C-alpha atoms as a PDB file:
ATOM      1  CA  MET A   1      -2.672 -29.060  -7.919  1.00  0.00           C
ATOM      2  CA  SER A   2      -0.895 -26.068  -7.234  1.00  0.00           C
ATOM      3  CA  LEU A   3      -2.462 -23.575  -4.829  1.00  0.00           C
ATOM      4  CA  ASP A   4      -2.652 -20.068  -5.467  1.00  0.00           C
ATOM      5  CA  LYS A   5      -0.954 -17.986  -2.482  1.00  0.00           C
ATOM      6  CA  LYS A   6      -2.703 -14.919  -3.643  1.00  0.00           C
ATOM      7  CA  ILE A   7      -5.956 -15.654  -1.400  1.00  0.00           C
ATOM      8  CA  VAL A   8      -9.220 -13.031  -1.525  1.00  0.00           C
ATOM      9  CA  LEU A   9     -10.735 -12.404   1.716  1.00  0.00           C
ATOM     10  CA  ALA A  10     -14.711 -11.812   1.500  1.00  0.00           C
ATOM     11  CA  SER A  11     -14.612  -8.954   3.309  1.00  0.00           C
ATOM     12  CA  GLY A  12     -13.049  -5.048   3.271  1.00  0.00           C
ATOM     13  CA  ASN A  13     -13.126  -4.762   7.140  1.00  0.00           C
ATOM     14  CA  LYS A  14      -9.469  -2.883   7.632  1.00  0.00           C
ATOM     15  CA  GLY A  15      -9.110  -4.513  11.003  1.00  0.00           C
ATOM     16  CA  LYS A  16     -10.025  -7.837   9.938  1.00  0.00           C
ATOM     17  CA  VAL A  17      -7.782  -7.613   6.948  1.00  0.00           C
ATOM     18  CA  ARG A  18      -4.764  -6.986   9.442  1.00  0.00           C
ATOM     19  CA  GLU A  19      -5.652  -9.706  11.742  1.00  0.00           C
ATOM     20  CA  PHE A  20      -5.847 -12.198   8.737  1.00  0.00           C
ATOM     21  CA  VAL A  21      -2.788 -10.953   6.829  1.00  0.00           C
ATOM     22  CA  LYS A  22      -0.552 -11.191  10.369  1.00  0.00           C
ATOM     23  CA  MET A  23      -1.730 -14.418  11.068  1.00  0.00           C
ATOM     24  CA  PHE A  24      -0.644 -16.427   7.267  1.00  0.00           C
ATOM     25  CA  THR A  25       2.308 -14.323   6.730  1.00  0.00           C
ATOM     26  CA  ASP A  26       4.432 -17.127   7.741  1.00  0.00           C
ATOM     27  CA  LEU A  27       3.044 -19.203   5.136  1.00  0.00           C
ATOM     28  CA  GLY A  28       3.898 -16.994   2.242  1.00  0.00           C
ATOM     29  CA  LEU A  29      -0.291 -15.905   1.812  1.00  0.00           C
ATOM     30  CA  ASN A  30      -1.246 -12.728  -0.117  1.00  0.00           C
ATOM     31  CA  ILE A  31      -4.509 -11.959   1.442  1.00  0.00           C
ATOM     32  CA  ILE A  32      -6.470  -9.412  -0.627  1.00  0.00           C
ATOM     33  CA  PRO A  33      -9.322  -8.028   0.477  1.00  0.00           C
ATOM     34  CA  GLN A  34     -12.199  -8.024  -1.753  1.00  0.00           C
ATOM     35  CA  THR A  35     -12.688  -4.616  -1.729  1.00  0.00           C
ATOM     36  CA  GLU A  36      -9.327  -4.262  -3.773  1.00  0.00           C
ATOM     37  CA  LEU A  37     -10.304  -6.962  -6.435  1.00  0.00           C
ATOM     38  CA  GLY A  38     -13.848  -5.016  -6.973  1.00  0.00           C
ATOM     39  CA  VAL A  39     -15.970  -7.731  -5.088  1.00  0.00           C
ATOM     40  CA  GLY A  40     -18.925  -5.950  -3.600  1.00  0.00           C
ATOM     41  CA  ASP A  41     -21.117  -7.754  -0.828  1.00  0.00           C
ATOM     42  CA  VAL A  42     -23.123 -10.569  -1.707  1.00  0.00           C
ATOM     43  CA  PRO A  43     -26.669 -11.269   0.120  1.00  0.00           C
ATOM     44  CA  GLU A  44     -26.531 -13.869   3.110  1.00  0.00           C
ATOM     45  CA  THR A  45     -29.459 -15.601   2.354  1.00  0.00           C
ATOM     46  CA  GLY A  46     -28.167 -18.999   4.477  1.00  0.00           C
ATOM     47  CA  THR A  47     -29.945 -20.064   7.467  1.00  0.00           C
ATOM     48  CA  THR A  48     -26.651 -21.062   9.731  1.00  0.00           C
ATOM     49  CA  PHE A  49     -23.097 -19.199  10.324  1.00  0.00           C
ATOM     50  CA  VAL A  50     -21.950 -21.853   7.467  1.00  0.00           C
ATOM     51  CA  GLU A  51     -24.022 -21.146   5.037  1.00  0.00           C
ATOM     52  CA  ASN A  52     -23.447 -17.524   5.082  1.00  0.00           C
ATOM     53  CA  ALA A  53     -19.459 -18.139   5.207  1.00  0.00           C
ATOM     54  CA  ILE A  54     -19.742 -20.665   2.294  1.00  0.00           C
ATOM     55  CA  ILE A  55     -21.836 -17.853   0.358  1.00  0.00           C
ATOM     56  CA  LYS A  56     -19.259 -15.471   0.652  1.00  0.00           C
ATOM     57  CA  ALA A  57     -16.395 -17.240  -0.036  1.00  0.00           C
ATOM     58  CA  ARG A  58     -17.843 -18.585  -3.281  1.00  0.00           C
ATOM     59  CA  TYR A  59     -18.619 -15.090  -4.376  1.00  0.00           C
ATOM     60  CA  ALA A  60     -15.459 -14.430  -4.001  1.00  0.00           C
ATOM     61  CA  SER A  61     -13.769 -16.807  -5.477  1.00  0.00           C
ATOM     62  CA  GLU A  62     -16.116 -16.796  -8.541  1.00  0.00           C
ATOM     63  CA  ILE A  63     -15.473 -13.027  -9.237  1.00  0.00           C
ATOM     64  CA  THR A  64     -11.839 -13.409  -8.975  1.00  0.00           C
ATOM     65  CA  GLY A  65     -10.884 -16.911  -9.629  1.00  0.00           C
ATOM     66  CA  MET A  66      -8.814 -16.662  -6.783  1.00  0.00           C
ATOM     67  CA  PRO A  67      -9.150 -19.389  -3.803  1.00  0.00           C
ATOM     68  CA  ALA A  68     -11.195 -17.412  -1.021  1.00  0.00           C
ATOM     69  CA  ILE A  69     -11.751 -17.134   2.997  1.00  0.00           C
ATOM     70  CA  ALA A  70     -14.875 -15.801   4.442  1.00  0.00           C
ATOM     71  CA  ASP A  71     -16.171 -15.888   8.146  1.00  0.00           C
ATOM     72  CA  ASP A  72     -19.744 -15.696   9.411  1.00  0.00           C
ATOM     73  CA  SER A  73     -19.948 -14.554  13.282  1.00  0.00           C
ATOM     74  CA  GLY A  74     -22.440 -13.639  16.211  1.00  0.00           C
ATOM     75  CA  ILE A  75     -23.654 -14.246  19.504  1.00  0.00           C
ATOM     76  CA  GLU A  76     -26.123 -16.909  20.487  1.00  0.00           C
ATOM     77  CA  VAL A  77     -27.738 -16.290  23.769  1.00  0.00           C
ATOM     78  CA  ASP A  78     -29.205 -19.200  25.344  1.00  0.00           C
ATOM     79  CA  TYR A  79     -32.445 -17.698  26.761  1.00  0.00           C
ATOM     80  CA  LEU A  80     -33.480 -16.417  23.138  1.00  0.00           C
ATOM     81  CA  CYS A  81     -32.832 -20.040  21.604  1.00  0.00           C
ATOM     82  CA  GLY A  82     -29.744 -18.783  19.898  1.00  0.00           C
ATOM     83  CA  VAL A  83     -31.029 -15.464  18.734  1.00  0.00           C
ATOM     84  CA  PRO A  84     -29.838 -13.088  17.827  1.00  0.00           C
ATOM     85  CA  GLY A  85     -27.700 -15.616  16.000  1.00  0.00           C
ATOM     86  CA  ILE A  86     -26.864 -14.876  12.280  1.00  0.00           C
ATOM     87  CA  TYR A  87     -28.464 -11.980  12.204  1.00  0.00           C
ATOM     88  CA  SER A  88     -26.327 -10.129  15.314  1.00  0.00           C
ATOM     89  CA  ALA A  89     -24.956  -7.401  12.922  1.00  0.00           C
ATOM     90  CA  ARG A  90     -28.926  -6.401  12.362  1.00  0.00           C
ATOM     91  CA  TYR A  91     -30.507  -7.436  15.174  1.00  0.00           C
ATOM     92  CA  SER A  92     -32.184  -4.230  16.300  1.00  0.00           C
ATOM     93  CA  THR A  93     -33.874  -3.841  12.873  1.00  0.00           C
ATOM     94  CA  LEU A  94     -35.168  -7.427  12.904  1.00  0.00           C
ATOM     95  CA  GLY A  95     -39.560  -7.846  13.414  1.00  0.00           C
ATOM     96  CA  GLY A  96     -40.060  -4.590  11.720  1.00  0.00           C
ATOM     97  CA  ASP A  97     -38.202  -2.492  14.651  1.00  0.00           C
ATOM     98  CA  SER A  98     -36.796   0.516  13.468  1.00  0.00           C
ATOM     99  CA  GLY A  99     -33.599  -0.328  14.480  1.00  0.00           C
ATOM    100  CA  GLU A 100     -33.786   3.050  16.830  1.00  0.00           C
ATOM    101  CA  TYR A 101     -33.410   2.113  20.360  1.00  0.00           C
ATOM    102  CA  GLY A 102     -31.850   5.098  21.887  1.00  0.00           C
ATOM    103  CA  GLY A 103     -28.272   4.239  21.360  1.00  0.00           C
ATOM    104  CA  LYS A 104     -25.799   6.563  18.959  1.00  0.00           C
ATOM    105  CA  THR A 105     -25.156   3.673  16.802  1.00  0.00           C
ATOM    106  CA  LYS A 106     -26.079  -0.147  15.080  1.00  0.00           C
ATOM    107  CA  ASP A 107     -24.037  -1.836  17.731  1.00  0.00           C
ATOM    108  CA  GLU A 108     -25.889   0.552  20.898  1.00  0.00           C
ATOM    109  CA  ASN A 109     -29.096  -0.184  19.342  1.00  0.00           C
ATOM    110  CA  ASN A 110     -28.282  -3.946  19.034  1.00  0.00           C
ATOM    111  CA  ASN A 111     -27.274  -4.201  22.886  1.00  0.00           C
ATOM    112  CA  LEU A 112     -29.768  -2.130  23.978  1.00  0.00           C
ATOM    113  CA  LYS A 113     -32.476  -4.479  22.016  1.00  0.00           C
ATOM    114  CA  LEU A 114     -30.869  -7.507  23.724  1.00  0.00           C
ATOM    115  CA  LEU A 115     -30.896  -5.986  27.053  1.00  0.00           C
ATOM    116  CA  ASP A 116     -34.550  -5.158  26.857  1.00  0.00           C
ATOM    117  CA  ALA A 117     -35.307  -8.885  25.712  1.00  0.00           C
ATOM    118  CA  LEU A 118     -33.511  -9.721  28.723  1.00  0.00           C
ATOM    119  CA  LYS A 119     -34.929  -7.315  31.230  1.00  0.00           C
ATOM    120  CA  ASP A 120     -37.333 -10.021  33.516  1.00  0.00           C
ATOM    121  CA  VAL A 121     -33.985 -12.171  33.695  1.00  0.00           C
ATOM    122  CA  ASP A 122     -32.522 -12.028  36.507  1.00  0.00           C
ATOM    123  CA  ASP A 123     -30.714 -15.132  37.290  1.00  0.00           C
ATOM    124  CA  ASP A 124     -27.134 -14.843  35.378  1.00  0.00           C
ATOM    125  CA  ASN A 125     -27.061 -18.824  35.055  1.00  0.00           C
ATOM    126  CA  LEU A 126     -29.963 -17.996  32.509  1.00  0.00           C
ATOM    127  CA  ARG A 127     -28.043 -15.434  30.757  1.00  0.00           C
ATOM    128  CA  THR A 128     -25.517 -17.693  29.178  1.00  0.00           C
ATOM    129  CA  ALA A 129     -24.073 -17.249  25.525  1.00  0.00           C
ATOM    130  CA  ARG A 130     -21.479 -17.619  23.395  1.00  0.00           C
ATOM    131  CA  TYR A 131     -19.736 -15.891  20.430  1.00  0.00           C
ATOM    132  CA  GLN A 132     -19.811 -18.134  17.362  1.00  0.00           C
ATOM    133  CA  CYS A 133     -17.098 -18.020  14.715  1.00  0.00           C
ATOM    134  CA  ILE A 134     -17.047 -19.699  11.344  1.00  0.00           C
ATOM    135  CA  LEU A 135     -14.225 -19.276   8.660  1.00  0.00           C
ATOM    136  CA  VAL A 136     -14.203 -21.069   5.443  1.00  0.00           C
ATOM    137  CA  TYR A 137     -11.511 -21.493   3.019  1.00  0.00           C
ATOM    138  CA  MET A 138     -12.317 -22.747  -0.680  1.00  0.00           C
ATOM    139  CA  ARG A 139      -9.577 -23.632  -3.420  1.00  0.00           C
ATOM    140  CA  HIS A 140     -12.107 -22.410  -6.103  1.00  0.00           C
ATOM    141  CA  ALA A 141     -16.004 -21.494  -6.574  1.00  0.00           C
ATOM    142  CA  ALA A 142     -16.480 -24.928  -7.064  1.00  0.00           C
ATOM    143  CA  ASP A 143     -14.986 -26.651  -4.291  1.00  0.00           C
ATOM    144  CA  PRO A 144     -16.934 -29.394  -2.929  1.00  0.00           C
ATOM    145  CA  THR A 145     -14.745 -29.717  -0.203  1.00  0.00           C
ATOM    146  CA  PRO A 146     -14.359 -26.500   1.918  1.00  0.00           C
ATOM    147  CA  ILE A 147     -12.024 -26.208   4.931  1.00  0.00           C
ATOM    148  CA  ILE A 148     -14.490 -25.218   7.604  1.00  0.00           C
ATOM    149  CA  CYS A 149     -13.431 -24.212  11.260  1.00  0.00           C
ATOM    150  CA  GLN A 150     -15.740 -23.335  14.343  1.00  0.00           C
ATOM    151  CA  ALA A 151     -14.991 -21.930  17.335  1.00  0.00           C
ATOM    152  CA  ALA A 152     -16.678 -20.465  19.940  1.00  0.00           C
ATOM    153  CA  TRP A 153     -16.239 -18.482  23.249  1.00  0.00           C
ATOM    154  CA  GLU A 154     -18.448 -19.079  26.424  1.00  0.00           C
ATOM    155  CA  GLY A 155     -19.780 -15.914  28.627  1.00  0.00           C
ATOM    156  CA  ILE A 156     -22.504 -14.573  30.158  1.00  0.00           C
ATOM    157  CA  ILE A 157     -24.722 -11.153  28.941  1.00  0.00           C
ATOM    158  CA  MET A 158     -24.295  -8.737  31.617  1.00  0.00           C
ATOM    159  CA  HIS A 159     -26.843  -6.319  32.855  1.00  0.00           C
ATOM    160  CA  GLU A 160     -25.515  -3.146  31.830  1.00  0.00           C
ATOM    161  CA  GLU A 161     -22.651  -2.149  29.063  1.00  0.00           C
ATOM    162  CA  VAL A 162     -19.162  -1.838  30.762  1.00  0.00           C
ATOM    163  CA  GLY A 163     -16.112  -1.258  28.866  1.00  0.00           C
ATOM    164  CA  GLU A 164     -14.854   0.441  26.041  1.00  0.00           C
ATOM    165  CA  ASN A 165     -12.616  -1.748  23.889  1.00  0.00           C
ATOM    166  CA  GLY A 166     -13.870  -4.182  21.629  1.00  0.00           C
ATOM    167  CA  PHE A 167     -17.327  -3.420  19.111  1.00  0.00           C
ATOM    168  CA  GLY A 168     -20.501  -5.289  18.869  1.00  0.00           C
ATOM    169  CA  TYR A 169     -21.264  -7.053  21.720  1.00  0.00           C
ATOM    170  CA  ASP A 170     -18.564  -6.649  23.807  1.00  0.00           C
ATOM    171  CA  PRO A 171     -19.570  -4.490  26.707  1.00  0.00           C
ATOM    172  CA  LEU A 172     -22.182  -7.056  28.022  1.00  0.00           C
ATOM    173  CA  PHE A 173     -20.270 -10.263  27.169  1.00  0.00           C
ATOM    174  CA  TRP A 174     -19.160 -11.273  30.562  1.00  0.00           C
ATOM    175  CA  VAL A 175     -15.890 -13.209  30.471  1.00  0.00           C
ATOM    176  CA  PRO A 176     -16.170 -15.370  33.708  1.00  0.00           C
ATOM    177  CA  GLU A 177     -12.372 -16.269  33.459  1.00  0.00           C
ATOM    178  CA  HIS A 178     -11.195 -12.647  33.894  1.00  0.00           C
ATOM    179  CA  LYS A 179     -14.129 -11.238  35.831  1.00  0.00           C
ATOM    180  CA  MET A 180     -14.642  -8.578  33.213  1.00  0.00           C
ATOM    181  CA  SER A 181     -16.687  -7.794  30.372  1.00  0.00           C
ATOM    182  CA  SER A 182     -14.988  -8.450  26.895  1.00  0.00           C
ATOM    183  CA  ALA A 183     -15.034  -4.834  26.262  1.00  0.00           C
ATOM    184  CA  GLN A 184     -12.658  -4.314  29.056  1.00  0.00           C
ATOM    185  CA  LEU A 185      -9.876  -7.012  28.302  1.00  0.00           C
ATOM    186  CA  ASP A 186      -6.873  -5.797  26.794  1.00  0.00           C
ATOM    187  CA  PRO A 187      -6.711  -6.524  22.993  1.00  0.00           C
ATOM    188  CA  ASP A 188      -4.047  -9.045  23.055  1.00  0.00           C
ATOM    189  CA  ILE A 189      -5.730 -11.225  25.859  1.00  0.00           C
ATOM    190  CA  LYS A 190      -8.475 -10.986  23.858  1.00  0.00           C
ATOM    191  CA  ASN A 191      -7.422 -12.453  20.720  1.00  0.00           C
ATOM    192  CA  GLY A 192      -5.857 -15.257  22.282  1.00  0.00           C
ATOM    193  CA  MET A 193      -8.908 -16.617  23.841  1.00  0.00           C
ATOM    194  CA  SER A 194     -11.842 -15.127  21.652  1.00  0.00           C
ATOM    195  CA  HIS A 195     -14.090 -16.919  18.997  1.00  0.00           C
ATOM    196  CA  ARG A 196     -12.205 -15.317  16.269  1.00  0.00           C
ATOM    197  CA  GLY A 197      -8.576 -16.037  17.600  1.00  0.00           C
ATOM    198  CA  LYS A 198      -9.417 -19.656  17.856  1.00  0.00           C
ATOM    199  CA  ALA A 199     -10.822 -20.153  14.649  1.00  0.00           C
ATOM    200  CA  LEU A 200      -8.066 -18.132  12.854  1.00  0.00           C
ATOM    201  CA  ARG A 201      -5.507 -20.694  14.398  1.00  0.00           C
ATOM    202  CA  MET A 202      -7.457 -23.793  13.764  1.00  0.00           C
ATOM    203  CA  LEU A 203      -7.413 -22.457   9.899  1.00  0.00           C
ATOM    204  CA  HIS A 204      -3.528 -21.576  10.232  1.00  0.00           C
ATOM    205  CA  ASP A 205      -3.162 -24.998  11.069  1.00  0.00           C
ATOM    206  CA  GLU A 206      -4.945 -26.168   8.164  1.00  0.00           C
ATOM    207  CA  LEU A 207      -3.888 -23.996   5.664  1.00  0.00           C
ATOM    208  CA  THR A 208      -0.092 -25.266   6.816  1.00  0.00           C
ATOM    209  CA  ALA A 209      -1.022 -28.475   5.747  1.00  0.00           C
ATOM    210  CA  LEU A 210      -1.965 -27.269   2.224  1.00  0.00           C
ATOM    211  CA  TYR A 211       0.624 -25.100   1.381  1.00  0.00           C
ATOM    212  CA  LYS A 212       3.518 -26.680   3.197  1.00  0.00           C
ATOM    213  CA  LYS A 213       2.907 -30.032   0.854  1.00  0.00           C
END
């Protein structure tokens, strides 16, 4: 089976698109964001990162008829039994909350809710967490054996936000190896050790094997 080198990326995020395009240029792959192909968002009804990534990849492939790549990612806090997990992006609105925790943005409100959930947890050994990233590649919408790449990034949830770089929970995510938050890291250093960076390199190896046959 000859694989189409045009691949739809189940995202319209410009930063994410640049990251994927850069990663796969050497394979001659043309990564096209779904927004350029008229593909909208699909409800993420899965209960795991893997399920949601597959849902997004399958939908993009169904609409376009092209191979598809999708990701799902978030942060797991051990003390909270893995919460926010798959709900990381909308954590501050779960459980009937209005989403208003005093922050100016959704990210700030999510961080403030997480700080509130851990307000009585002083021991950093109990504030361990990890970012998770799942990447899925599907040759077609009915692909029975999608490629699934998973990578994690271990850290600790801080007691307050520190740093101006990054996004999401980065200002709260302490990176022990560098003794600073993810939001304080140089972007190149972050990309070299982050969950998404590691998962991307794994997927690159998998697609190299597919497209270099």
